[in-house]
Amino acid sequence: MGEEREKNRTNVTIYNQPYTIVGDESSEHIQEVAALIDTKMKELKHYNPYLDSTKLAVLTAVNIGNDYLSILKKLEDEKKDED
């Protein structure tokens, strides 16, 4: 069997809720991701004060997913332009 890497445990707070994230990434990286999500949730709540936490979390995921796919497409377009 392959060598097992020890997982990092990082405590974060996202939208006033505590979470323990376990994974291979550094604690600094996990904290940066958590801060991004927390900021985006607070921003979206500001513009949509009627949303409950579940809908707010889904809207945040959709927004971050959209940003991610837009960046991937931009990188793909730039790679095509280089060829």
Protein backbone atom coordinates (compact mmCIF):
# COMPACT_ATOMS: atom_id res chain seq x y z
CA MET A 1 0.00 0.00 0.00
CA GLY A 2 1.00 3.61 -0.53
CA GLU A 3 2.32 5.83 2.20
CA GLU A 4 -0.46 7.65 4.09
CA ARG A 5 0.05 11.37 4.55
CA GLU A 6 -1.13 12.89 7.78
CA LYS A 7 -4.04 15.24 7.21
CA ASN A 8 -4.01 18.83 8.43
CA ARG A 9 -6.82 19.92 10.74
CA THR A 10 -7.72 23.59 10.56
CA ASN A 11 -10.39 25.39 12.57
CA VAL A 12 -12.14 28.16 10.67
CA THR A 13 -15.26 30.29 11.02
CA ILE A 14 -17.50 30.81 8.01
CA TYR A 15 -20.55 33.03 8.37
CA ASN A 16 -20.30 32.88 12.17
CA GLN A 17 -20.23 29.06 12.19
CA PRO A 18 -17.17 27.11 13.36
CA TYR A 19 -15.82 24.30 11.15
CA THR A 20 -12.89 21.93 11.36
CA ILE A 21 -11.53 21.31 7.88
CA VAL A 22 -9.40 18.19 7.38
CA GLY A 23 -7.27 17.87 4.26
CA ASP A 24 -3.90 17.85 2.57
CA GLU A 25 -3.67 21.60 2.04
CA SER A 26 -1.79 23.85 4.44
CA SER A 27 -3.66 25.56 7.27
CA GLU A 28 -2.86 28.91 5.65
CA HIS A 29 -4.50 27.80 2.40
CA ILE A 30 -7.61 26.52 4.20
CA GLN A 31 -7.89 29.78 6.14
CA GLU A 32 -7.62 31.74 2.90
CA VAL A 33 -10.38 29.66 1.30
CA ALA A 34 -12.58 30.05 4.38
CA ALA A 35 -12.03 33.82 4.37
CA LEU A 36 -13.02 33.98 0.69
CA ILE A 37 -16.25 32.07 1.36
CA ASP A 38 -17.03 34.10 4.48
CA THR A 39 -16.52 37.38 2.61
CA LYS A 40 -18.63 36.26 -0.35
CA MET A 41 -21.47 35.08 1.93
CA LYS A 42 -21.51 38.41 3.80
CA GLU A 43 -21.44 40.33 0.52
CA LEU A 44 -24.34 38.34 -0.92
CA LYS A 45 -26.33 38.64 2.33
CA HIS A 46 -25.90 42.41 2.16
CA TYR A 47 -27.59 42.46 -1.25
CA ASN A 48 -30.10 39.68 -0.42
CA PRO A 49 -31.05 40.12 3.24
CA TYR A 50 -34.09 37.81 2.92
CA LEU A 51 -32.01 34.69 2.16
CA ASP A 52 -31.77 31.99 4.80
CA SER A 53 -28.38 30.38 5.47
CA THR A 54 -28.98 27.38 3.19
CA LYS A 55 -29.99 29.48 0.20
CA LEU A 56 -27.17 31.89 0.93
CA ALA A 57 -24.66 29.00 0.96
CA VAL A 58 -25.97 27.69 -2.38
CA LEU A 59 -25.90 31.16 -3.95
CA THR A 60 -22.34 31.59 -2.70
CA ALA A 61 -21.34 28.24 -4.22
CA VAL A 62 -22.94 29.21 -7.54
CA ASN A 63 -21.10 32.55 -7.55
CA ILE A 64 -17.74 30.98 -6.71
CA GLY A 65 -18.34 28.18 -9.24
CA ASN A 66 -19.11 30.80 -11.88
CA ASP A 67 -15.92 32.69 -11.05
CA TYR A 68 -13.93 29.44 -11.24
CA LEU A 69 -15.36 28.43 -14.64
CA SER A 70 -14.82 31.94 -16.01
CA ILE A 71 -11.16 31.81 -15.00
CA LEU A 72 -10.74 28.35 -16.55
CA LYS A 73 -12.26 29.58 -19.81
CA LYS A 74 -10.03 32.65 -19.82
CA LEU A 75 -6.94 30.48 -19.28
CA GLU A 76 -8.06 28.11 -22.04
CA ASP A 77 -8.62 31.05 -24.43
CA GLU A 78 -5.18 32.46 -23.58
CA LYS A 79 -3.58 29.06 -24.21
CA LYS A 80 -5.30 28.85 -27.62
CA ASP A 81 -4.01 32.33 -28.49
CA GLU A 82 -0.44 31.21 -27.70
CA ASP A 83 -0.65 28.24 -30.10
